[in-house]
């Protein structure tokens, strides 16, 4: 799965998030969570439809929860040129334990309600 490049204005700070992250633990049980991505553009970003398909493709991937932020980071890094790329994954509590995994640049994610506006 590739993330198609889109040319945009260089220097644009971009933050994406998706509450649809789902992948499998080594036990086969699902991990669910929200992924936050933040970077400064070097004149390109990725197609959001491709990113949605990539996030969906992770549903069949088995990995340790601690590796998910790194996995997404490497995918984006291989697809586009960025400055200050950072990934945060908030994994839904399982067994009473909440996890936040991050890789790359530190940032404070903007958390918004998932509300459709007309």
PDB file of N, CA and C in Angstrom:
ATOM      1  N   UNK A   1       0.843  -1.172   0.000  1.00  0.00           N
ATOM      2  CA  UNK A   1       0.000   0.000   0.000  1.00  0.00           C
ATOM      3  C   UNK A   1       0.891   1.239   0.000  1.00  0.00           C
ATOM      4  N   UNK A   2       0.650   2.128  -0.930  1.00  0.00           N
ATOM      5  CA  UNK A   2       1.429   3.363  -1.012  1.00  0.00           C
ATOM      6  C   UNK A   2       0.525   4.557  -0.695  1.00  0.00           C
ATOM      7  N   UNK A   3       1.128   5.591  -0.183  1.00  0.00           N
ATOM      8  CA  UNK A   3       0.430   6.841   0.064  1.00  0.00           C
ATOM      9  C   UNK A   3       0.814   7.801  -1.048  1.00  0.00           C
ATOM     10  N   UNK A   4      -0.126   8.134  -1.902  1.00  0.00           N
ATOM     11  CA  UNK A   4       0.130   9.020  -3.037  1.00  0.00           C
ATOM     12  C   UNK A   4       0.442  10.442  -2.548  1.00  0.00           C
ATOM     13  N   UNK A   5       1.520  11.018  -3.099  1.00  0.00           N
ATOM     14  CA  UNK A   5       1.917  12.383  -2.760  1.00  0.00           C
ATOM     15  C   UNK A   5       0.973  13.394  -3.394  1.00  0.00           C
ATOM     16  N   UNK A   6       0.723  14.461  -2.659  1.00  0.00           N
ATOM     17  CA  UNK A   6      -0.020  15.607  -3.171  1.00  0.00           C
ATOM     18  C   UNK A   6       0.841  16.834  -2.905  1.00  0.00           C
ATOM     19  N   UNK A   7       1.021  17.682  -3.913  1.00  0.00           N
ATOM     20  CA  UNK A   7       1.817  18.890  -3.769  1.00  0.00           C
ATOM     21  C   UNK A   7       0.991  19.969  -3.078  1.00  0.00           C
ATOM     22  N   UNK A   8       1.578  20.568  -2.040  1.00  0.00           N
ATOM     23  CA  UNK A   8       0.932  21.650  -1.307  1.00  0.00           C
ATOM     24  C   UNK A   8       1.962  22.731  -1.017  1.00  0.00           C
ATOM     25  N   UNK A   9       1.530  23.788  -0.338  1.00  0.00           N
ATOM     26  CA  UNK A   9       2.421  24.881   0.014  1.00  0.00           C
ATOM     27  C   UNK A   9       3.447  24.431   1.048  1.00  0.00           C
ATOM     28  N   UNK A  10       4.701  24.652   0.759  1.00  0.00           N
ATOM     29  CA  UNK A  10       5.770  24.302   1.701  1.00  0.00           C
ATOM     30  C   UNK A  10       5.644  25.123   2.975  1.00  0.00           C
ATOM     31  N   UNK A  11       5.949  24.495   4.102  1.00  0.00           N
ATOM     32  CA  UNK A  11       5.901  25.175   5.388  1.00  0.00           C
ATOM     33  C   UNK A  11       4.564  25.074   6.102  1.00  0.00           C
ATOM     34  N   UNK A  12       3.581  24.452   5.470  1.00  0.00           N
ATOM     35  CA  UNK A  12       2.273  24.288   6.095  1.00  0.00           C
ATOM     36  C   UNK A  12       2.360  23.275   7.222  1.00  0.00           C
ATOM     37  N   UNK A  13       1.855  23.633   8.397  1.00  0.00           N
ATOM     38  CA  UNK A  13       1.800  22.681   9.508  1.00  0.00           C
ATOM     39  C   UNK A  13       0.492  21.906   9.397  1.00  0.00           C
ATOM     40  N   UNK A  14       0.580  20.605   9.436  1.00  0.00           N
ATOM     41  CA  UNK A  14      -0.579  19.737   9.204  1.00  0.00           C
ATOM     42  C   UNK A  14      -0.750  18.788  10.374  1.00  0.00           C
ATOM     43  N   UNK A  15      -1.980  18.621  10.795  1.00  0.00           N
ATOM     44  CA  UNK A  15      -2.310  17.613  11.799  1.00  0.00           C
ATOM     45  C   UNK A  15      -3.514  16.827  11.305  1.00  0.00           C
ATOM     46  N   UNK A  16      -3.355  15.517  11.275  1.00  0.00           N
ATOM     47  CA  UNK A  16      -4.440  14.612  10.911  1.00  0.00           C
ATOM     48  C   UNK A  16      -4.746  13.732  12.109  1.00  0.00           C
ATOM     49  N   UNK A  17      -5.987  13.249  12.174  1.00  0.00           N
ATOM     50  CA  UNK A  17      -6.323  12.258  13.191  1.00  0.00           C
ATOM     51  C   UNK A  17      -7.375  11.312  12.627  1.00  0.00           C
ATOM     52  N   UNK A  18      -7.371  10.112  13.163  1.00  0.00           N
ATOM     53  CA  UNK A  18      -8.378   9.115  12.789  1.00  0.00           C
ATOM     54  C   UNK A  18      -8.703   8.280  14.015  1.00  0.00           C
ATOM     55  N   UNK A  19      -9.999   8.174  14.305  1.00  0.00           N
ATOM     56  CA  UNK A  19     -10.459   7.360  15.427  1.00  0.00           C
ATOM     57  C   UNK A  19     -10.733   5.933  14.987  1.00  0.00           C
ATOM     58  N   UNK A  20     -10.333   5.572  13.783  1.00  0.00           N
ATOM     59  CA  UNK A  20     -10.656   4.268  13.218  1.00  0.00           C
ATOM     60  C   UNK A  20      -9.497   3.281  13.221  1.00  0.00           C
ATOM     61  N   UNK A  21      -8.491   3.519  14.044  1.00  0.00           N
ATOM     62  CA  UNK A  21      -7.346   2.620  14.089  1.00  0.00           C
ATOM     63  C   UNK A  21      -7.742   1.298  14.745  1.00  0.00           C
ATOM     64  N   UNK A  22      -7.413   0.206  14.089  1.00  0.00           N
ATOM     65  CA  UNK A  22      -7.694  -1.134  14.595  1.00  0.00           C
ATOM     66  C   UNK A  22      -6.607  -2.065  14.068  1.00  0.00           C
ATOM     67  N   UNK A  23      -5.967  -2.804  14.988  1.00  0.00           N
ATOM     68  CA  UNK A  23      -4.977  -3.806  14.597  1.00  0.00           C
ATOM     69  C   UNK A  23      -5.021  -4.915  15.626  1.00  0.00           C
ATOM     70  N   UNK A  24      -4.310  -5.999  15.356  1.00  0.00           N
ATOM     71  CA  UNK A  24      -4.396  -7.177  16.207  1.00  0.00           C
ATOM     72  C   UNK A  24      -3.186  -7.317  17.123  1.00  0.00           C
ATOM     73  N   UNK A  25      -3.458  -7.708  18.371  1.00  0.00           N
ATOM     74  CA  UNK A  25      -2.394  -8.026  19.323  1.00  0.00           C
ATOM     75  C   UNK A  25      -1.850  -9.414  19.003  1.00  0.00           C
ATOM     76  N   UNK A  26      -0.729  -9.759  19.597  1.00  0.00           N
ATOM     77  CA  UNK A  26      -0.148 -11.086  19.396  1.00  0.00           C
ATOM     78  C   UNK A  26      -1.143 -12.180  19.801  1.00  0.00           C
ATOM     79  N   UNK A  27      -2.030 -11.880  20.740  1.00  0.00           N
ATOM     80  CA  UNK A  27      -3.032 -12.846  21.200  1.00  0.00           C
ATOM     81  C   UNK A  27      -4.171 -13.016  20.198  1.00  0.00           C
ATOM     82  N   UNK A  28      -4.224 -12.138  19.196  1.00  0.00           N
ATOM     83  CA  UNK A  28      -5.313 -12.176  18.230  1.00  0.00           C
ATOM     84  C   UNK A  28      -6.461 -11.252  18.605  1.00  0.00           C
ATOM     85  N   UNK A  29      -6.405 -10.682  19.802  1.00  0.00           N
ATOM     86  CA  UNK A  29      -7.440  -9.742  20.243  1.00  0.00           C
ATOM     87  C   UNK A  29      -7.184  -8.375  19.606  1.00  0.00           C
ATOM     88  N   UNK A  30      -8.249  -7.643  19.288  1.00  0.00           N
ATOM     89  CA  UNK A  30      -8.066  -6.349  18.613  1.00  0.00           C
ATOM     90  C   UNK A  30      -7.651  -5.228  19.563  1.00  0.00           C
ATOM     91  N   UNK A  31      -6.809  -4.364  19.061  1.00  0.00           N
ATOM     92  CA  UNK A  31      -6.513  -3.080  19.688  1.00  0.00           C
ATOM     93  C   UNK A  31      -7.257  -2.031  18.885  1.00  0.00           C
ATOM     94  N   UNK A  32      -7.925  -1.132  19.566  1.00  0.00           N
ATOM     95  CA  UNK A  32      -8.603  -0.017  18.917  1.00  0.00           C
ATOM     96  C   UNK A  32      -7.995   1.266  19.463  1.00  0.00           C
ATOM     97  N   UNK A  33      -8.020   2.310  18.625  1.00  0.00           N
ATOM     98  CA  UNK A  33      -7.472   3.558  19.117  1.00  0.00           C
ATOM     99  C   UNK A  33      -7.608   4.697  18.136  1.00  0.00           C
ATOM    100  N   UNK A  34      -6.995   5.798  18.508  1.00  0.00           N
ATOM    101  CA  UNK A  34      -6.972   7.009  17.693  1.00  0.00           C
ATOM    102  C   UNK A  34      -5.528   7.332  17.362  1.00  0.00           C
ATOM    103  N   UNK A  35      -5.284   7.656  16.101  1.00  0.00           N
ATOM    104  CA  UNK A  35      -3.944   8.050  15.681  1.00  0.00           C
ATOM    105  C   UNK A  35      -3.951   9.548  15.373  1.00  0.00           C
ATOM    106  N   UNK A  36      -2.918  10.233  15.855  1.00  0.00           N
ATOM    107  CA  UNK A  36      -2.712  11.658  15.592  1.00  0.00           C
ATOM    108  C   UNK A  36      -1.382  11.800  14.865  1.00  0.00           C
ATOM    109  N   UNK A  37      -1.389  12.578  13.801  1.00  0.00           N
ATOM    110  CA  UNK A  37      -0.185  12.797  12.992  1.00  0.00           C
ATOM    111  C   UNK A  37       0.027  14.292  12.875  1.00  0.00           C
ATOM    112  N   UNK A  38       1.261  14.735  13.082  1.00  0.00           N
ATOM    113  CA  UNK A  38       1.576  16.152  12.984  1.00  0.00           C
ATOM    114  C   UNK A  38       2.902  16.291  12.252  1.00  0.00           C
ATOM    115  N   UNK A  39       2.947  17.200  11.282  1.00  0.00           N
ATOM    116  CA  UNK A  39       4.206  17.465  10.585  1.00  0.00           C
ATOM    117  C   UNK A  39       4.181  18.822   9.917  1.00  0.00           C
ATOM    118  N   UNK A  40       5.359  19.288   9.549  1.00  0.00           N
ATOM    119  CA  UNK A  40       5.522  20.507   8.794  1.00  0.00           C
ATOM    120  C   UNK A  40       5.860  20.103   7.366  1.00  0.00           C
ATOM    121  N   UNK A  41       5.071  20.579   6.420  1.00  0.00           N
ATOM    122  CA  UNK A  41       5.212  20.169   5.022  1.00  0.00           C
ATOM    123  C   UNK A  41       6.473  20.724   4.364  1.00  0.00           C
ATOM    124  N   UNK A  42       7.096  19.878   3.579  1.00  0.00           N
ATOM    125  CA  UNK A  42       8.180  20.325   2.698  1.00  0.00           C
ATOM    126  C   UNK A  42       7.642  20.419   1.273  1.00  0.00           C
ATOM    127  N   UNK A  43       6.367  20.775   1.150  1.00  0.00           N
ATOM    128  CA  UNK A  43       5.749  20.958  -0.158  1.00  0.00           C
ATOM    129  C   UNK A  43       4.914  19.774  -0.604  1.00  0.00           C
ATOM    130  N   UNK A  44       4.685  18.811   0.297  1.00  0.00           N
ATOM    131  CA  UNK A  44       3.847  17.669  -0.070  1.00  0.00           C
ATOM    132  C   UNK A  44       3.162  17.066   1.156  1.00  0.00           C
ATOM    133  N   UNK A  45       2.038  16.442   0.887  1.00  0.00           N
ATOM    134  CA  UNK A  45       1.324  15.655   1.879  1.00  0.00           C
ATOM    135  C   UNK A  45       0.855  14.392   1.179  1.00  0.00           C
ATOM    136  N   UNK A  46       0.034  13.598   1.846  1.00  0.00           N
ATOM    137  CA  UNK A  46      -0.443  12.365   1.232  1.00  0.00           C
ATOM    138  C   UNK A  46      -1.951  12.425   1.020  1.00  0.00           C
ATOM    139  N   UNK A  47      -2.405  11.662   0.050  1.00  0.00           N
ATOM    140  CA  UNK A  47      -3.814  11.563  -0.284  1.00  0.00           C
ATOM    141  C   UNK A  47      -4.564  10.940   0.891  1.00  0.00           C
ATOM    142  N   UNK A  48      -5.618  11.591   1.366  1.00  0.00           N
ATOM    143  CA  UNK A  48      -6.341  11.108   2.538  1.00  0.00           C
ATOM    144  C   UNK A  48      -7.105   9.814   2.277  1.00  0.00           C
ATOM    145  N   UNK A  49      -7.552   9.594   1.049  1.00  0.00           N
ATOM    146  CA  UNK A  49      -8.207   8.322   0.726  1.00  0.00           C
ATOM    147  C   UNK A  49      -7.208   7.171   0.838  1.00  0.00           C
ATOM    148  N   UNK A  50      -5.985   7.388   0.346  1.00  0.00           N
ATOM    149  CA  UNK A  50      -4.939   6.374   0.496  1.00  0.00           C
ATOM    150  C   UNK A  50      -4.629   6.122   1.967  1.00  0.00           C
ATOM    151  N   UNK A  51      -4.613   7.199   2.768  1.00  0.00           N
ATOM    152  CA  UNK A  51      -4.339   7.038   4.190  1.00  0.00           C
ATOM    153  C   UNK A  51      -5.451   6.249   4.875  1.00  0.00           C
ATOM    154  N   UNK A  52      -6.679   6.523   4.497  1.00  0.00           N
ATOM    155  CA  UNK A  52      -7.821   5.776   5.053  1.00  0.00           C
ATOM    156  C   UNK A  52      -7.682   4.284   4.718  1.00  0.00           C
ATOM    157  N   UNK A  53      -7.307   3.988   3.488  1.00  0.00           N
ATOM    158  CA  UNK A  53      -7.115   2.590   3.086  1.00  0.00           C
ATOM    159  C   UNK A  53      -5.957   1.956   3.849  1.00  0.00           C
ATOM    160  N   UNK A  54      -4.900   2.721   4.084  1.00  0.00           N
ATOM    161  CA  UNK A  54      -3.764   2.211   4.850  1.00  0.00           C
ATOM    162  C   UNK A  54      -4.189   1.889   6.283  1.00  0.00           C
ATOM    163  N   UNK A  55      -4.888   2.830   6.919  1.00  0.00           N
ATOM    164  CA  UNK A  55      -5.367   2.603   8.294  1.00  0.00           C
ATOM    165  C   UNK A  55      -6.259   1.359   8.332  1.00  0.00           C
ATOM    166  N   UNK A  56      -7.130   1.213   7.350  1.00  0.00           N
ATOM    167  CA  UNK A  56      -8.008   0.043   7.282  1.00  0.00           C
ATOM    168  C   UNK A  56      -7.213  -1.238   7.072  1.00  0.00           C
ATOM    169  N   UNK A  57      -6.133  -1.177   6.292  1.00  0.00           N
ATOM    170  CA  UNK A  57      -5.321  -2.370   6.021  1.00  0.00           C
ATOM    171  C   UNK A  57      -4.630  -2.897   7.284  1.00  0.00           C
ATOM    172  N   UNK A  58      -4.447  -2.042   8.282  1.00  0.00           N
ATOM    173  CA  UNK A  58      -3.799  -2.468   9.522  1.00  0.00           C
ATOM    174  C   UNK A  58      -4.667  -3.438  10.325  1.00  0.00           C
ATOM    175  N   UNK A  59      -5.941  -3.547   9.983  1.00  0.00           N
ATOM    176  CA  UNK A  59      -6.857  -4.440  10.701  1.00  0.00           C
ATOM    177  C   UNK A  59      -6.456  -5.905  10.598  1.00  0.00           C
ATOM    178  N   UNK A  60      -5.678  -6.232   9.592  1.00  0.00           N
ATOM    179  CA  UNK A  60      -5.245  -7.617   9.420  1.00  0.00           C
ATOM    180  C   UNK A  60      -3.793  -7.826   9.858  1.00  0.00           C
ATOM    181  N   UNK A  61      -3.194  -6.803  10.465  1.00  0.00           N
ATOM    182  CA  UNK A  61      -1.802  -6.855  10.889  1.00  0.00           C
ATOM    183  C   UNK A  61      -1.727  -7.181  12.383  1.00  0.00           C
ATOM    184  N   UNK A  62      -0.826  -8.110  12.731  1.00  0.00           N
ATOM    185  CA  UNK A  62      -0.589  -8.466  14.126  1.00  0.00           C
ATOM    186  C   UNK A  62       0.728  -7.853  14.577  1.00  0.00           C
ATOM    187  N   UNK A  63       0.687  -7.092  15.687  1.00  0.00           N
ATOM    188  CA  UNK A  63       1.910  -6.472  16.213  1.00  0.00           C
ATOM    189  C   UNK A  63       1.723  -6.113  17.682  1.00  0.00           C
ATOM    190  N   UNK A  64       2.828  -5.822  18.341  1.00  0.00           N
ATOM    191  CA  UNK A  64       2.766  -5.306  19.699  1.00  0.00           C
ATOM    192  C   UNK A  64       2.234  -3.881  19.651  1.00  0.00           C
ATOM    193  N   UNK A  65       1.430  -3.513  20.633  1.00  0.00           N
ATOM    194  CA  UNK A  65       0.862  -2.162  20.643  1.00  0.00           C
ATOM    195  C   UNK A  65       1.966  -1.103  20.658  1.00  0.00           C
ATOM    196  N   UNK A  66       3.091  -1.401  21.277  1.00  0.00           N
ATOM    197  CA  UNK A  66       4.181  -0.436  21.387  1.00  0.00           C
ATOM    198  C   UNK A  66       4.846  -0.122  20.038  1.00  0.00           C
ATOM    199  N   UNK A  67       4.577  -0.926  19.019  1.00  0.00           N
ATOM    200  CA  UNK A  67       5.194  -0.722  17.702  1.00  0.00           C
ATOM    201  C   UNK A  67       4.311   0.032  16.715  1.00  0.00           C
ATOM    202  N   UNK A  68       3.058   0.310  17.059  1.00  0.00           N
ATOM    203  CA  UNK A  68       2.135   0.883  16.075  1.00  0.00           C
ATOM    204  C   UNK A  68       2.527   2.294  15.645  1.00  0.00           C
ATOM    205  N   UNK A  69       2.944   3.149  16.563  1.00  0.00           N
ATOM    206  CA  UNK A  69       3.325   4.517  16.191  1.00  0.00           C
ATOM    207  C   UNK A  69       4.533   4.504  15.259  1.00  0.00           C
ATOM    208  N   UNK A  70       5.519   3.652  15.555  1.00  0.00           N
ATOM    209  CA  UNK A  70       6.706   3.533  14.710  1.00  0.00           C
ATOM    210  C   UNK A  70       6.330   3.036  13.312  1.00  0.00           C
ATOM    211  N   UNK A  71       5.435   2.063  13.241  1.00  0.00           N
ATOM    212  CA  UNK A  71       5.003   1.500  11.954  1.00  0.00           C
ATOM    213  C   UNK A  71       4.372   2.575  11.072  1.00  0.00           C
ATOM    214  N   UNK A  72       3.487   3.369  11.645  1.00  0.00           N
ATOM    215  CA  UNK A  72       2.827   4.443  10.891  1.00  0.00           C
ATOM    216  C   UNK A  72       3.841   5.522  10.521  1.00  0.00           C
ATOM    217  N   UNK A  73       4.733   5.863  11.426  1.00  0.00           N
ATOM    218  CA  UNK A  73       5.788   6.848  11.167  1.00  0.00           C
ATOM    219  C   UNK A  73       6.615   6.445   9.945  1.00  0.00           C
ATOM    220  N   UNK A  74       7.080   5.197   9.935  1.00  0.00           N
ATOM    221  CA  UNK A  74       7.921   4.719   8.824  1.00  0.00           C
ATOM    222  C   UNK A  74       7.167   4.745   7.500  1.00  0.00           C
ATOM    223  N   UNK A  75       5.877   4.453   7.518  1.00  0.00           N
ATOM    224  CA  UNK A  75       5.074   4.475   6.290  1.00  0.00           C
ATOM    225  C   UNK A  75       5.000   5.890   5.733  1.00  0.00           C
ATOM    226  N   UNK A  76       4.742   6.857   6.593  1.00  0.00           N
ATOM    227  CA  UNK A  76       4.648   8.241   6.141  1.00  0.00           C
ATOM    228  C   UNK A  76       6.013   8.752   5.703  1.00  0.00           C
ATOM    229  N   UNK A  77       7.046   8.444   6.481  1.00  0.00           N
ATOM    230  CA  UNK A  77       8.404   8.879   6.155  1.00  0.00           C
ATOM    231  C   UNK A  77       8.855   8.342   4.794  1.00  0.00           C
ATOM    232  N   UNK A  78       8.440   7.138   4.452  1.00  0.00           N
ATOM    233  CA  UNK A  78       8.813   6.549   3.168  1.00  0.00           C
ATOM    234  C   UNK A  78       7.999   7.128   2.005  1.00  0.00           C
ATOM    235  N   UNK A  79       6.890   7.791   2.313  1.00  0.00           N
ATOM    236  CA  UNK A  79       5.983   8.270   1.266  1.00  0.00           C
ATOM    237  C   UNK A  79       6.161   9.739   0.911  1.00  0.00           C
ATOM    238  N   UNK A  80       6.448  10.572   1.907  1.00  0.00           N
ATOM    239  CA  UNK A  80       6.571  12.010   1.658  1.00  0.00           C
ATOM    240  C   UNK A  80       7.726  12.592   2.466  1.00  0.00           C
ATOM    241  N   UNK A  81       8.170  13.786   2.052  1.00  0.00           N
ATOM    242  CA  UNK A  81       9.209  14.508   2.788  1.00  0.00           C
ATOM    243  C   UNK A  81       8.539  15.453   3.772  1.00  0.00           C
ATOM    244  N   UNK A  82       8.958  15.379   5.035  1.00  0.00           N
ATOM    245  CA  UNK A  82       8.377  16.237   6.063  1.00  0.00           C
ATOM    246  C   UNK A  82       9.463  16.763   6.983  1.00  0.00           C
ATOM    247  N   UNK A  83       9.107  17.747   7.758  1.00  0.00           N
ATOM    248  CA  UNK A  83       9.899  18.206   8.890  1.00  0.00           C
ATOM    249  C   UNK A  83       9.082  17.934  10.138  1.00  0.00           C
ATOM    250  N   UNK A  84       9.752  17.557  11.208  1.00  0.00           N
ATOM    251  CA  UNK A  84       9.118  17.419  12.518  1.00  0.00           C
ATOM    252  C   UNK A  84       7.916  16.479  12.517  1.00  0.00           C
ATOM    253  N   UNK A  85       8.038  15.327  11.893  1.00  0.00           N
ATOM    254  CA  UNK A  85       6.963  14.332  11.873  1.00  0.00           C
ATOM    255  C   UNK A  85       6.824  13.688  13.242  1.00  0.00           C
ATOM    256  N   UNK A  86       5.613  13.691  13.750  1.00  0.00           N
ATOM    257  CA  UNK A  86       5.323  13.048  15.022  1.00  0.00           C
ATOM    258  C   UNK A  86       4.033  12.242  14.934  1.00  0.00           C
ATOM    259  N   UNK A  87       4.011  11.100  15.589  1.00  0.00           N
ATOM    260  CA  UNK A  87       2.846  10.217  15.622  1.00  0.00           C
ATOM    261  C   UNK A  87       2.507   9.947  17.078  1.00  0.00           C
ATOM    262  N   UNK A  88       1.229  10.066  17.411  1.00  0.00           N
ATOM    263  CA  UNK A  88       0.723   9.664  18.724  1.00  0.00           C
ATOM    264  C   UNK A  88      -0.438   8.716  18.497  1.00  0.00           C
ATOM    265  N   UNK A  89      -0.449   7.614  19.236  1.00  0.00           N
ATOM    266  CA  UNK A  89      -1.562   6.667  19.180  1.00  0.00           C
ATOM    267  C   UNK A  89      -2.110   6.502  20.591  1.00  0.00           C
ATOM    268  N   UNK A  90      -3.393   6.834  20.760  1.00  0.00           N
ATOM    269  CA  UNK A  90      -4.097   6.584  22.016  1.00  0.00           C
ATOM    270  C   UNK A  90      -4.874   5.288  21.831  1.00  0.00           C
ATOM    271  N   UNK A  91      -4.478   4.270  22.566  1.00  0.00           N
ATOM    272  CA  UNK A  91      -5.135   2.971  22.452  1.00  0.00           C
ATOM    273  C   UNK A  91      -6.237   2.894  23.507  1.00  0.00           C
ATOM    274  N   UNK A  92      -7.413   2.454  23.073  1.00  0.00           N
ATOM    275  CA  UNK A  92      -8.551   2.307  23.970  1.00  0.00           C
ATOM    276  C   UNK A  92      -8.187   1.345  25.088  1.00  0.00           C
ATOM    277  N   UNK A  93      -8.600   1.681  26.305  1.00  0.00           N
ATOM    278  CA  UNK A  93      -8.262   0.868  27.480  1.00  0.00           C
ATOM    279  C   UNK A  93      -8.714  -0.575  27.301  1.00  0.00           C
ATOM    280  N   UNK A  94      -7.801  -1.488  27.634  1.00  0.00           N
ATOM    281  CA  UNK A  94      -8.078  -2.922  27.625  1.00  0.00           C
ATOM    282  C   UNK A  94      -7.582  -3.489  28.934  1.00  0.00           C
ATOM    283  N   UNK A  95      -8.444  -4.197  29.624  1.00  0.00           N
ATOM    284  CA  UNK A  95      -8.047  -4.731  30.915  1.00  0.00           C
ATOM    285  C   UNK A  95      -7.765  -3.638  31.926  1.00  0.00           C
ATOM    286  N   UNK A  96      -8.402  -2.472  31.729  1.00  0.00           N
ATOM    287  CA  UNK A  96      -8.222  -1.365  32.653  1.00  0.00           C
ATOM    288  C   UNK A  96      -6.943  -0.569  32.451  1.00  0.00           C
ATOM    289  N   UNK A  97      -6.202  -0.859  31.380  1.00  0.00           N
ATOM    290  CA  UNK A  97      -4.939  -0.162  31.128  1.00  0.00           C
ATOM    291  C   UNK A  97      -5.065   0.689  29.868  1.00  0.00           C
ATOM    292  N   UNK A  98      -4.777   1.972  30.032  1.00  0.00           N
ATOM    293  CA  UNK A  98      -4.793   2.917  28.916  1.00  0.00           C
ATOM    294  C   UNK A  98      -3.364   3.097  28.421  1.00  0.00           C
ATOM    295  N   UNK A  99      -3.171   3.149  27.103  1.00  0.00           N
ATOM    296  CA  UNK A  99      -1.835   3.363  26.547  1.00  0.00           C
ATOM    297  C   UNK A  99      -1.824   4.560  25.618  1.00  0.00           C
ATOM    298  N   UNK A 100      -0.746   5.300  25.667  1.00  0.00           N
ATOM    299  CA  UNK A 100      -0.448   6.333  24.680  1.00  0.00           C
ATOM    300  C   UNK A 100       0.951   6.027  24.183  1.00  0.00           C
ATOM    301  N   UNK A 101       1.075   5.795  22.880  1.00  0.00           N
ATOM    302  CA  UNK A 101       2.345   5.461  22.245  1.00  0.00           C
ATOM    303  C   UNK A 101       2.700   6.621  21.316  1.00  0.00           C
ATOM    304  N   UNK A 102       3.940   7.073  21.341  1.00  0.00           N
ATOM    305  CA  UNK A 102       4.345   8.142  20.427  1.00  0.00           C
ATOM    306  C   UNK A 102       5.697   7.820  19.823  1.00  0.00           C
ATOM    307  N   UNK A 103       5.915   8.399  18.644  1.00  0.00           N
ATOM    308  CA  UNK A 103       7.191   8.237  17.963  1.00  0.00           C
ATOM    309  C   UNK A 103       7.450   9.500  17.155  1.00  0.00           C
ATOM    310  N   UNK A 104       8.690   9.937  17.120  1.00  0.00           N
ATOM    311  CA  UNK A 104       9.059  11.133  16.367  1.00  0.00           C
ATOM    312  C   UNK A 104       8.953  12.371  17.234  1.00  0.00           C
ATOM    313  N   UNK A 105       8.675  13.495  16.598  1.00  0.00           N
ATOM    314  CA  UNK A 105       8.582  14.779  17.290  1.00  0.00           C
ATOM    315  C   UNK A 105       7.432  14.788  18.287  1.00  0.00           C
ATOM    316  N   UNK A 106       7.660  15.408  19.426  1.00  0.00           N
ATOM    317  CA  UNK A 106       6.600  15.557  20.431  1.00  0.00           C
ATOM    318  C   UNK A 106       5.666  16.692  20.023  1.00  0.00           C
ATOM    319  N   UNK A 107       4.377  16.499  20.275  1.00  0.00           N
ATOM    320  CA  UNK A 107       3.383  17.541  20.055  1.00  0.00           C
ATOM    321  C   UNK A 107       2.177  17.229  20.921  1.00  0.00           C
ATOM    322  N   UNK A 108       1.339  18.216  21.128  1.00  0.00           N
ATOM    323  CA  UNK A 108       0.118  18.045  21.889  1.00  0.00           C
ATOM    324  C   UNK A 108      -1.027  17.937  20.890  1.00  0.00           C
ATOM    325  N   UNK A 109      -1.650  16.766  20.764  1.00  0.00           N
ATOM    326  CA  UNK A 109      -2.691  16.614  19.742  1.00  0.00           C
ATOM    327  C   UNK A 109      -3.943  17.428  20.063  1.00  0.00           C
ATOM    328  N   UNK A 110      -4.566  17.942  19.016  1.00  0.00           N
ATOM    329  CA  UNK A 110      -5.846  18.608  19.144  1.00  0.00           C
ATOM    330  C   UNK A 110      -6.911  17.516  19.089  1.00  0.00           C
ATOM    331  N   UNK A 111      -7.660  17.364  20.174  1.00  0.00           N
ATOM    332  CA  UNK A 111      -8.687  16.336  20.253  1.00  0.00           C
ATOM    333  C   UNK A 111     -10.036  16.995  20.023  1.00  0.00           C
ATOM    334  N   UNK A 112     -10.718  16.575  18.958  1.00  0.00           N
ATOM    335  CA  UNK A 112     -12.019  17.129  18.606  1.00  0.00           C
ATOM    336  C   UNK A 112     -13.073  16.054  18.653  1.00  0.00           C
ATOM    337  N   UNK A 113     -14.292  16.459  18.910  1.00  0.00           N
ATOM    338  CA  UNK A 113     -15.409  15.531  18.836  1.00  0.00           C
ATOM    339  C   UNK A 113     -15.612  15.143  17.382  1.00  0.00           C
ATOM    340  N   UNK A 114     -16.060  13.916  17.167  1.00  0.00           N
ATOM    341  CA  UNK A 114     -16.310  13.432  15.808  1.00  0.00           C
ATOM    342  C   UNK A 114     -17.735  13.811  15.416  1.00  0.00           C
ATOM    343  N   UNK A 115     -17.920  15.088  15.035  1.00  0.00           N
ATOM    344  CA  UNK A 115     -19.240  15.627  14.736  1.00  0.00           C
ATOM    345  C   UNK A 115     -19.263  16.087  13.282  1.00  0.00           C
ATOM    346  N   UNK A 116     -20.324  15.699  12.576  1.00  0.00           N
ATOM    347  CA  UNK A 116     -20.486  16.150  11.205  1.00  0.00           C
ATOM    348  C   UNK A 116     -21.204  17.499  11.227  1.00  0.00           C
ATOM    349  N   UNK A 117     -20.685  18.432  10.468  1.00  0.00           N
ATOM    350  CA  UNK A 117     -21.297  19.754  10.422  1.00  0.00           C
ATOM    351  C   UNK A 117     -21.952  19.966   9.070  1.00  0.00           C
ATOM    352  N   UNK A 118     -23.043  20.694   9.072  1.00  0.00           N
ATOM    353  CA  UNK A 118     -23.757  20.999   7.837  1.00  0.00           C
ATOM    354  C   UNK A 118     -23.561  22.434   7.484  1.00  0.00           C
TER     355      UNK A 118
END
